[in-house]
């Protein structure tokens, strides 16, 4: 039986005290909007620190580069857990795409999210997706701010929950 350990009861409730798990997570951080990225990273790292989870940050220029780095890390055997040379149990993607006047927004949003999930599902990588897709910078800041309560913290919790579920499923026999 799988429990809902560590999952808040509602979207607006305060997260429960985080469990301490032994894990190491790769944070792939798009820095195109630096102030927003700073807020997202602060929330994600605060959540990981609260859980006693080690992490390494890798910086890329924009959201489209995030899936490529995730793919490179799987190709190198750094992820997923169980790979002979694995250093990381999961990954957190952080970035922001703000709608502009052209269709470039749609291309970036659709491709970044599609390929991020394609790599994660294909290679069984627990991923917390913290790529904001918004209409304005004000919307982005409102979602990014809040430390552990912001979207960076949400992405970290999602990654940790998927790591927990992966470990549970791998430990279950038929």
N, C-alpha and C. Protein backbone atom coordinates (compact mmCIF):
# COMPACT_ATOMS: atom_id res chain seq x y z
N UNK A 1 0.84 -1.17 0.00
CA UNK A 1 0.00 0.00 0.00
C UNK A 1 0.89 1.24 0.00
N UNK A 2 0.51 2.22 -0.78
CA UNK A 2 1.30 3.45 -0.89
C UNK A 2 0.59 4.54 -0.12
N UNK A 3 1.32 5.21 0.75
CA UNK A 3 0.72 6.27 1.55
C UNK A 3 0.93 7.62 0.90
N UNK A 4 0.27 8.60 1.44
CA UNK A 4 0.39 9.97 0.94
C UNK A 4 1.35 10.77 1.83
N UNK A 5 2.37 10.15 2.32
CA UNK A 5 3.32 10.80 3.20
C UNK A 5 3.91 12.03 2.53
N UNK A 6 3.87 13.14 3.24
CA UNK A 6 4.51 14.36 2.75
C UNK A 6 3.68 15.16 1.76
N UNK A 7 2.43 14.80 1.50
CA UNK A 7 1.61 15.54 0.56
C UNK A 7 0.60 16.36 1.37
N UNK A 8 0.58 17.69 1.16
CA UNK A 8 -0.39 18.52 1.88
C UNK A 8 -1.82 18.11 1.52
N UNK A 9 -2.75 18.31 2.45
CA UNK A 9 -4.13 17.91 2.22
C UNK A 9 -4.86 18.81 1.24
N UNK A 10 -4.44 20.03 1.09
CA UNK A 10 -5.04 20.91 0.09
C UNK A 10 -3.97 21.82 -0.48
N UNK A 11 -4.32 22.42 -1.60
CA UNK A 11 -3.36 23.27 -2.31
C UNK A 11 -2.89 24.44 -1.45
N UNK A 12 -3.76 24.91 -0.57
CA UNK A 12 -3.44 26.12 0.20
C UNK A 12 -2.99 25.83 1.62
N UNK A 13 -2.91 24.58 2.01
CA UNK A 13 -2.47 24.27 3.35
C UNK A 13 -0.96 24.31 3.42
N UNK A 14 -0.47 24.56 4.62
CA UNK A 14 0.97 24.59 4.83
C UNK A 14 1.52 23.17 4.71
N UNK A 15 2.65 23.00 4.00
CA UNK A 15 3.21 21.65 3.88
C UNK A 15 3.58 21.10 5.25
N UNK A 16 3.42 19.79 5.43
CA UNK A 16 3.82 19.19 6.70
C UNK A 16 5.33 19.28 6.86
N UNK A 17 5.78 19.07 8.07
CA UNK A 17 7.22 19.06 8.31
C UNK A 17 7.83 18.02 7.38
N UNK A 18 8.83 18.43 6.61
CA UNK A 18 9.36 17.52 5.59
C UNK A 18 10.12 16.34 6.20
N UNK A 19 9.95 15.18 5.57
CA UNK A 19 10.73 14.03 6.02
C UNK A 19 12.18 14.21 5.59
N UNK A 20 13.09 13.68 6.36
CA UNK A 20 14.49 13.71 5.97
C UNK A 20 14.77 12.43 5.19
N UNK A 21 15.21 12.61 3.96
CA UNK A 21 15.51 11.45 3.14
C UNK A 21 16.94 11.55 2.63
N UNK A 22 17.53 10.40 2.41
CA UNK A 22 18.88 10.39 1.87
C UNK A 22 18.77 10.44 0.35
N UNK A 23 19.19 11.55 -0.20
CA UNK A 23 19.09 11.74 -1.65
C UNK A 23 20.03 12.86 -2.07
N UNK A 24 20.31 12.89 -3.36
CA UNK A 24 21.07 13.99 -3.97
C UNK A 24 20.31 14.34 -5.25
N UNK A 25 20.05 15.63 -5.44
CA UNK A 25 19.21 16.10 -6.52
C UNK A 25 19.98 17.09 -7.39
N UNK A 26 19.75 17.00 -8.69
CA UNK A 26 20.31 17.95 -9.65
C UNK A 26 19.28 19.04 -9.90
N UNK A 27 19.68 20.29 -9.68
CA UNK A 27 18.81 21.43 -10.01
C UNK A 27 19.32 22.02 -11.32
N UNK A 28 18.43 22.04 -12.32
CA UNK A 28 18.76 22.63 -13.62
C UNK A 28 18.00 23.94 -13.69
N UNK A 29 18.74 25.02 -13.73
CA UNK A 29 18.18 26.35 -13.51
C UNK A 29 18.41 27.25 -14.73
N UNK A 30 17.30 27.65 -15.37
CA UNK A 30 17.38 28.61 -16.48
C UNK A 30 17.44 30.02 -15.89
N UNK A 31 18.42 30.79 -16.31
CA UNK A 31 18.65 32.11 -15.71
C UNK A 31 18.22 33.27 -16.62
N UNK A 32 17.34 33.03 -17.58
CA UNK A 32 16.95 34.09 -18.50
C UNK A 32 16.34 35.28 -17.75
N UNK A 33 15.50 35.01 -16.77
CA UNK A 33 14.94 36.05 -15.90
C UNK A 33 15.59 35.87 -14.52
N UNK A 34 16.66 36.57 -14.28
CA UNK A 34 17.49 36.30 -13.10
C UNK A 34 16.77 36.49 -11.77
N UNK A 35 16.01 37.56 -11.60
CA UNK A 35 15.32 37.79 -10.32
C UNK A 35 14.30 36.69 -10.04
N UNK A 36 13.60 36.27 -11.06
CA UNK A 36 12.63 35.19 -10.90
C UNK A 36 13.36 33.89 -10.59
N UNK A 37 14.44 33.64 -11.29
CA UNK A 37 15.24 32.43 -11.05
C UNK A 37 15.79 32.41 -9.63
N UNK A 38 16.22 33.56 -9.14
CA UNK A 38 16.72 33.63 -7.76
C UNK A 38 15.64 33.20 -6.76
N UNK A 39 14.42 33.67 -6.98
CA UNK A 39 13.31 33.32 -6.07
C UNK A 39 12.97 31.82 -6.15
N UNK A 40 12.91 31.30 -7.37
CA UNK A 40 12.63 29.87 -7.54
C UNK A 40 13.71 29.02 -6.87
N UNK A 41 14.96 29.38 -7.09
CA UNK A 41 16.07 28.62 -6.52
C UNK A 41 16.08 28.72 -5.00
N UNK A 42 15.75 29.89 -4.47
CA UNK A 42 15.71 30.04 -3.01
C UNK A 42 14.66 29.12 -2.41
N UNK A 43 13.51 29.01 -3.04
CA UNK A 43 12.46 28.13 -2.53
C UNK A 43 12.84 26.66 -2.63
N UNK A 44 13.41 26.28 -3.77
CA UNK A 44 13.80 24.88 -3.96
C UNK A 44 14.91 24.49 -3.00
N UNK A 45 15.93 25.30 -2.88
CA UNK A 45 17.04 24.94 -2.00
C UNK A 45 16.63 24.98 -0.53
N UNK A 46 15.72 25.88 -0.16
CA UNK A 46 15.24 25.92 1.23
C UNK A 46 14.50 24.62 1.55
N UNK A 47 13.68 24.13 0.62
CA UNK A 47 12.95 22.88 0.84
C UNK A 47 13.93 21.70 0.92
N UNK A 48 14.90 21.66 0.02
CA UNK A 48 15.87 20.56 0.05
C UNK A 48 16.69 20.60 1.33
N UNK A 49 17.10 21.79 1.75
CA UNK A 49 17.85 21.93 3.00
C UNK A 49 17.02 21.44 4.19
N UNK A 50 15.73 21.81 4.20
CA UNK A 50 14.85 21.39 5.30
C UNK A 50 14.70 19.87 5.35
N UNK A 51 14.84 19.23 4.22
CA UNK A 51 14.71 17.77 4.14
C UNK A 51 16.04 17.05 4.28
N UNK A 52 17.13 17.81 4.39
CA UNK A 52 18.45 17.20 4.50
C UNK A 52 18.93 16.59 3.20
N UNK A 53 18.46 17.11 2.06
CA UNK A 53 18.79 16.56 0.76
C UNK A 53 19.92 17.37 0.13
N UNK A 54 20.95 16.68 -0.32
CA UNK A 54 22.07 17.32 -1.00
C UNK A 54 21.66 17.66 -2.43
N UNK A 55 22.29 18.67 -3.00
CA UNK A 55 21.96 19.07 -4.36
C UNK A 55 23.15 19.75 -5.02
N UNK A 56 23.07 19.77 -6.34
CA UNK A 56 24.05 20.49 -7.15
C UNK A 56 23.26 21.31 -8.16
N UNK A 57 23.66 22.56 -8.35
CA UNK A 57 22.98 23.45 -9.29
C UNK A 57 23.77 23.56 -10.58
N UNK A 58 23.04 23.48 -11.70
CA UNK A 58 23.61 23.67 -13.02
C UNK A 58 22.81 24.79 -13.67
N UNK A 59 23.49 25.76 -14.25
CA UNK A 59 22.84 26.92 -14.85
C UNK A 59 22.85 26.80 -16.36
N UNK A 60 21.69 27.08 -16.96
CA UNK A 60 21.55 27.14 -18.42
C UNK A 60 20.93 28.48 -18.78
N UNK A 61 21.08 28.91 -20.06
CA UNK A 61 20.56 30.23 -20.43
C UNK A 61 19.04 30.36 -20.36
N UNK A 62 18.31 29.36 -20.86
CA UNK A 62 16.85 29.48 -20.90
C UNK A 62 16.16 28.14 -20.76
N UNK A 63 14.83 28.17 -20.78
CA UNK A 63 14.03 26.98 -20.53
C UNK A 63 14.25 25.88 -21.57
N UNK A 64 14.51 26.25 -22.82
CA UNK A 64 14.71 25.23 -23.84
C UNK A 64 15.94 24.37 -23.59
N UNK A 65 16.89 24.88 -22.86
CA UNK A 65 18.12 24.12 -22.60
C UNK A 65 17.97 23.13 -21.44
N UNK A 66 16.95 23.28 -20.63
CA UNK A 66 16.77 22.41 -19.47
C UNK A 66 16.64 20.94 -19.87
N UNK A 67 15.75 20.59 -20.82
CA UNK A 67 15.64 19.17 -21.18
C UNK A 67 16.94 18.59 -21.75
N UNK A 68 17.68 19.41 -22.44
CA UNK A 68 18.95 18.94 -23.02
C UNK A 68 19.92 18.55 -21.90
N UNK A 69 20.01 19.35 -20.88
CA UNK A 69 20.90 19.03 -19.75
C UNK A 69 20.41 17.78 -19.03
N UNK A 70 19.10 17.64 -18.88
CA UNK A 70 18.57 16.42 -18.26
C UNK A 70 18.94 15.20 -19.10
N UNK A 71 18.81 15.32 -20.42
CA UNK A 71 19.17 14.22 -21.32
C UNK A 71 20.67 13.91 -21.24
N UNK A 72 21.50 14.95 -21.19
CA UNK A 72 22.95 14.73 -21.07
C UNK A 72 23.29 14.01 -19.77
N UNK A 73 22.60 14.38 -18.69
CA UNK A 73 22.90 13.75 -17.40
C UNK A 73 22.46 12.28 -17.38
N UNK A 74 21.37 11.95 -18.08
CA UNK A 74 20.98 10.54 -18.16
C UNK A 74 21.94 9.77 -19.05
N UNK A 75 22.34 10.38 -20.15
CA UNK A 75 23.29 9.75 -21.08
C UNK A 75 24.62 9.45 -20.38
N UNK A 76 25.03 10.37 -19.50
CA UNK A 76 26.29 10.18 -18.77
C UNK A 76 26.14 9.22 -17.59
N UNK A 77 24.90 8.79 -17.32
CA UNK A 77 24.68 7.87 -16.20
C UNK A 77 24.66 8.54 -14.85
N UNK A 78 24.51 9.87 -14.82
CA UNK A 78 24.47 10.60 -13.55
C UNK A 78 23.11 10.48 -12.88
N UNK A 79 22.09 10.25 -13.67
CA UNK A 79 20.71 10.00 -13.25
C UNK A 79 20.24 8.87 -14.16
N UNK A 80 19.42 8.00 -13.81
CA UNK A 80 18.62 7.89 -12.60
C UNK A 80 19.30 7.06 -11.53
N UNK A 81 18.66 7.03 -10.39
CA UNK A 81 19.11 6.21 -9.29
C UNK A 81 19.22 4.77 -9.79
N UNK A 82 20.27 4.11 -9.41
CA UNK A 82 20.46 2.73 -9.85
C UNK A 82 21.40 2.61 -11.02
N UNK A 83 21.64 3.71 -11.75
CA UNK A 83 22.63 3.66 -12.83
C UNK A 83 23.99 3.46 -12.17
N UNK A 84 24.89 2.74 -12.82
CA UNK A 84 26.18 2.42 -12.20
C UNK A 84 26.96 3.64 -11.69
N UNK A 85 26.87 4.76 -12.40
CA UNK A 85 27.62 5.94 -11.99
C UNK A 85 26.72 7.07 -11.50
N UNK A 86 25.50 6.73 -11.06
CA UNK A 86 24.52 7.75 -10.66
C UNK A 86 25.03 8.59 -9.49
N UNK A 87 24.91 9.88 -9.65
CA UNK A 87 25.20 10.82 -8.58
C UNK A 87 23.92 11.42 -8.01
N UNK A 88 22.83 11.36 -8.79
CA UNK A 88 21.60 12.04 -8.42
C UNK A 88 20.42 11.07 -8.45
N UNK A 89 19.50 11.27 -7.53
CA UNK A 89 18.27 10.47 -7.46
C UNK A 89 17.15 11.09 -8.27
N UNK A 90 17.25 12.37 -8.57
CA UNK A 90 16.20 13.08 -9.28
C UNK A 90 16.69 14.44 -9.70
N UNK A 91 15.79 15.21 -10.30
CA UNK A 91 16.15 16.54 -10.79
C UNK A 91 15.00 17.51 -10.57
N UNK A 92 15.36 18.78 -10.50
CA UNK A 92 14.39 19.87 -10.40
C UNK A 92 14.70 20.85 -11.52
N UNK A 93 13.67 21.16 -12.31
CA UNK A 93 13.81 22.12 -13.40
C UNK A 93 13.22 23.45 -12.94
N UNK A 94 14.01 24.51 -13.03
CA UNK A 94 13.56 25.84 -12.62
C UNK A 94 13.77 26.83 -13.76
N UNK A 95 12.77 27.60 -14.04
CA UNK A 95 12.88 28.62 -15.08
C UNK A 95 11.57 29.34 -15.24
N UNK A 96 11.54 30.22 -16.23
CA UNK A 96 10.35 31.02 -16.46
C UNK A 96 10.26 31.38 -17.94
N UNK A 97 9.04 31.30 -18.47
CA UNK A 97 8.77 31.74 -19.83
C UNK A 97 7.60 32.73 -19.73
N UNK A 98 7.84 33.95 -20.18
CA UNK A 98 6.81 35.00 -20.13
C UNK A 98 6.31 35.26 -21.55
N UNK A 99 4.99 35.28 -21.69
CA UNK A 99 4.38 35.50 -23.00
C UNK A 99 4.82 36.85 -23.57
N UNK A 100 5.16 36.83 -24.84
CA UNK A 100 5.53 38.06 -25.53
C UNK A 100 4.55 38.34 -26.66
N UNK A 101 5.00 39.09 -27.62
CA UNK A 101 4.13 39.49 -28.72
C UNK A 101 4.17 38.52 -29.90
N UNK A 102 5.03 37.52 -29.84
CA UNK A 102 5.16 36.58 -30.96
C UNK A 102 4.83 35.17 -30.50
N UNK A 103 4.83 34.25 -31.42
CA UNK A 103 4.53 32.85 -31.10
C UNK A 103 5.72 32.13 -30.48
N UNK A 104 6.83 32.81 -30.28
CA UNK A 104 8.01 32.18 -29.68
C UNK A 104 7.66 31.59 -28.31
N UNK A 105 6.82 32.26 -27.55
CA UNK A 105 6.38 31.77 -26.24
C UNK A 105 5.84 30.34 -26.35
N UNK A 106 4.94 30.13 -27.30
CA UNK A 106 4.32 28.81 -27.46
C UNK A 106 5.36 27.75 -27.82
N UNK A 107 6.30 28.10 -28.66
CA UNK A 107 7.35 27.17 -29.05
C UNK A 107 8.19 26.77 -27.83
N UNK A 108 8.60 27.77 -27.06
CA UNK A 108 9.44 27.50 -25.89
C UNK A 108 8.68 26.69 -24.85
N UNK A 109 7.47 27.13 -24.51
CA UNK A 109 6.68 26.44 -23.48
C UNK A 109 6.42 24.99 -23.89
N UNK A 110 5.92 24.80 -25.09
CA UNK A 110 5.56 23.45 -25.52
C UNK A 110 6.77 22.54 -25.61
N UNK A 111 7.84 23.01 -26.19
CA UNK A 111 9.01 22.15 -26.35
C UNK A 111 9.74 21.91 -25.03
N UNK A 112 9.90 22.92 -24.23
CA UNK A 112 10.60 22.73 -22.95
C UNK A 112 9.87 21.70 -22.09
N UNK A 113 8.57 21.84 -21.98
CA UNK A 113 7.80 20.91 -21.15
C UNK A 113 7.69 19.53 -21.77
N UNK A 114 7.46 19.46 -23.07
CA UNK A 114 7.36 18.16 -23.73
C UNK A 114 8.66 17.36 -23.57
N UNK A 115 9.78 17.97 -23.91
CA UNK A 115 11.05 17.23 -23.89
C UNK A 115 11.53 16.96 -22.47
N UNK A 116 11.20 17.83 -21.54
CA UNK A 116 11.53 17.57 -20.14
C UNK A 116 10.82 16.30 -19.68
N UNK A 117 9.53 16.21 -19.95
CA UNK A 117 8.78 15.04 -19.52
C UNK A 117 9.14 13.80 -20.34
N UNK A 118 9.45 13.98 -21.61
CA UNK A 118 9.88 12.85 -22.45
C UNK A 118 11.13 12.18 -21.85
N UNK A 119 12.12 12.99 -21.52
CA UNK A 119 13.35 12.43 -20.94
C UNK A 119 13.07 11.82 -19.57
N UNK A 120 12.30 12.52 -18.76
CA UNK A 120 12.01 12.02 -17.41
C UNK A 120 11.28 10.68 -17.46
N UNK A 121 10.27 10.57 -18.30
CA UNK A 121 9.50 9.32 -18.38
C UNK A 121 10.32 8.21 -19.01
N UNK A 122 11.00 8.51 -20.09
CA UNK A 122 11.79 7.49 -20.79
C UNK A 122 12.88 6.90 -19.89
N UNK A 123 13.52 7.76 -19.08
CA UNK A 123 14.65 7.31 -18.27
C UNK A 123 14.30 7.13 -16.79
N UNK A 124 13.02 7.24 -16.46
CA UNK A 124 12.56 7.03 -15.08
C UNK A 124 13.23 7.99 -14.10
N UNK A 125 13.28 9.25 -14.47
CA UNK A 125 13.91 10.26 -13.62
C UNK A 125 12.84 11.02 -12.85
N UNK A 126 12.86 10.96 -11.52
CA UNK A 126 11.96 11.78 -10.74
C UNK A 126 12.29 13.26 -10.99
N UNK A 127 11.31 14.00 -11.49
CA UNK A 127 11.55 15.41 -11.84
C UNK A 127 10.50 16.29 -11.19
N UNK A 128 10.95 17.39 -10.63
CA UNK A 128 10.06 18.43 -10.15
C UNK A 128 10.10 19.56 -11.17
N UNK A 129 8.97 19.82 -11.81
CA UNK A 129 8.93 20.82 -12.86
C UNK A 129 8.54 22.18 -12.28
N UNK A 130 9.52 23.06 -12.18
CA UNK A 130 9.31 24.42 -11.69
C UNK A 130 9.52 25.45 -12.79
N UNK A 131 9.14 25.11 -14.01
CA UNK A 131 9.24 26.07 -15.11
C UNK A 131 7.92 26.83 -15.16
N UNK A 132 7.95 28.09 -14.79
CA UNK A 132 6.76 28.93 -14.80
C UNK A 132 6.41 29.33 -16.23
N UNK A 133 5.13 29.31 -16.56
CA UNK A 133 4.65 29.77 -17.86
C UNK A 133 3.55 30.78 -17.57
N UNK A 134 3.87 32.04 -17.80
CA UNK A 134 2.99 33.13 -17.36
C UNK A 134 2.85 34.20 -18.44
N UNK A 135 1.90 35.09 -18.20
CA UNK A 135 1.67 36.19 -19.13
C UNK A 135 2.51 37.43 -18.81
N UNK A 136 2.83 37.63 -17.52
CA UNK A 136 3.54 38.84 -17.13
C UNK A 136 4.63 38.53 -16.10
N UNK A 137 5.56 39.45 -15.98
CA UNK A 137 6.61 39.31 -14.98
C UNK A 137 6.02 39.36 -13.57
N UNK A 138 4.99 40.16 -13.36
CA UNK A 138 4.35 40.24 -12.05
C UNK A 138 3.75 38.89 -11.66
N UNK A 139 3.12 38.20 -12.60
CA UNK A 139 2.59 36.86 -12.32
C UNK A 139 3.73 35.91 -11.95
N UNK A 140 4.82 36.01 -12.66
CA UNK A 140 5.96 35.13 -12.39
C UNK A 140 6.51 35.36 -10.99
N UNK A 141 6.68 36.62 -10.61
CA UNK A 141 7.22 36.92 -9.28
C UNK A 141 6.27 36.46 -8.18
N UNK A 142 4.96 36.62 -8.41
CA UNK A 142 3.98 36.19 -7.41
C UNK A 142 4.07 34.68 -7.19
N UNK A 143 4.34 33.93 -8.24
CA UNK A 143 4.43 32.47 -8.11
C UNK A 143 5.79 32.02 -7.58
N UNK A 144 6.83 32.76 -7.93
CA UNK A 144 8.19 32.37 -7.53
C UNK A 144 8.48 32.71 -6.07
N UNK A 145 7.95 33.82 -5.60
CA UNK A 145 8.24 34.26 -4.22
C UNK A 145 7.59 33.33 -3.20
N UNK A 146 8.10 33.43 -2.00
CA UNK A 146 7.48 32.68 -0.91
C UNK A 146 8.38 31.61 -0.33
N UNK A 147 9.63 31.55 -0.77
CA UNK A 147 10.53 30.55 -0.22
C UNK A 147 9.99 29.15 -0.45
N UNK A 148 9.92 28.36 0.60
CA UNK A 148 9.44 26.98 0.48
C UNK A 148 7.99 26.91 0.02
N UNK A 149 7.24 27.98 0.24
CA UNK A 149 5.82 28.01 -0.15
C UNK A 149 5.64 28.41 -1.61
N UNK A 150 6.69 28.89 -2.28
CA UNK A 150 6.60 29.28 -3.68
C UNK A 150 6.76 28.09 -4.60
N UNK A 151 6.77 28.35 -5.89
CA UNK A 151 6.82 27.28 -6.89
C UNK A 151 8.15 26.54 -6.89
N UNK A 152 9.23 27.16 -6.45
CA UNK A 152 10.50 26.44 -6.32
C UNK A 152 10.40 25.36 -5.25
N UNK A 153 9.78 25.70 -4.13
CA UNK A 153 9.55 24.73 -3.07
C UNK A 153 8.61 23.62 -3.54
N UNK A 154 7.57 24.00 -4.30
CA UNK A 154 6.64 23.00 -4.84
C UNK A 154 7.38 22.01 -5.74
N UNK A 155 8.26 22.52 -6.59
CA UNK A 155 9.01 21.65 -7.50
C UNK A 155 9.92 20.70 -6.72
N UNK A 156 10.53 21.21 -5.66
CA UNK A 156 11.39 20.35 -4.84
C UNK A 156 10.57 19.25 -4.17
N UNK A 157 9.40 19.62 -3.63
CA UNK A 157 8.54 18.61 -2.99
C UNK A 157 8.08 17.57 -3.99
N UNK A 158 7.75 18.00 -5.21
CA UNK A 158 7.33 17.05 -6.24
C UNK A 158 8.45 16.06 -6.55
N UNK A 159 9.66 16.57 -6.71
CA UNK A 159 10.80 15.70 -6.99
C UNK A 159 11.02 14.70 -5.86
N UNK A 160 10.98 15.18 -4.63
CA UNK A 160 11.22 14.30 -3.48
C UNK A 160 10.12 13.25 -3.35
N UNK A 161 8.89 13.63 -3.64
CA UNK A 161 7.79 12.66 -3.57
C UNK A 161 7.97 11.58 -4.64
N UNK A 162 8.41 11.97 -5.83
CA UNK A 162 8.64 10.99 -6.88
C UNK A 162 9.81 10.07 -6.55
N UNK A 163 10.84 10.61 -5.91
CA UNK A 163 11.94 9.76 -5.45
C UNK A 163 11.42 8.74 -4.44
N UNK A 164 10.60 9.21 -3.52
CA UNK A 164 10.02 8.33 -2.50
C UNK A 164 9.17 7.23 -3.16
N UNK A 165 8.35 7.60 -4.13
CA UNK A 165 7.51 6.61 -4.80
C UNK A 165 8.35 5.63 -5.62
N UNK A 166 9.38 6.13 -6.27
CA UNK A 166 10.26 5.24 -7.03
C UNK A 166 10.90 4.21 -6.12
N UNK A 167 11.36 4.64 -4.98
CA UNK A 167 11.96 3.71 -4.03
C UNK A 167 10.94 2.71 -3.52
N UNK A 168 9.72 3.16 -3.26
CA UNK A 168 8.66 2.27 -2.80
C UNK A 168 8.34 1.22 -3.86
N UNK A 169 8.16 1.67 -5.11
CA UNK A 169 7.82 0.74 -6.18
C UNK A 169 8.94 -0.25 -6.45
N UNK A 170 10.18 0.21 -6.38
CA UNK A 170 11.30 -0.69 -6.65
C UNK A 170 11.47 -1.72 -5.54
N UNK A 171 10.99 -1.40 -4.35
CA UNK A 171 11.11 -2.32 -3.24
C UNK A 171 9.97 -3.32 -3.14
N UNK A 172 8.96 -3.18 -3.99
CA UNK A 172 7.80 -4.06 -3.95
C UNK A 172 7.99 -5.23 -4.89
N UNK A 173 7.81 -6.41 -4.40
CA UNK A 173 7.88 -7.60 -5.24
C UNK A 173 6.51 -7.98 -5.76
N UNK A 174 6.48 -8.82 -6.77
CA UNK A 174 5.20 -9.26 -7.35
C UNK A 174 4.61 -10.37 -6.50
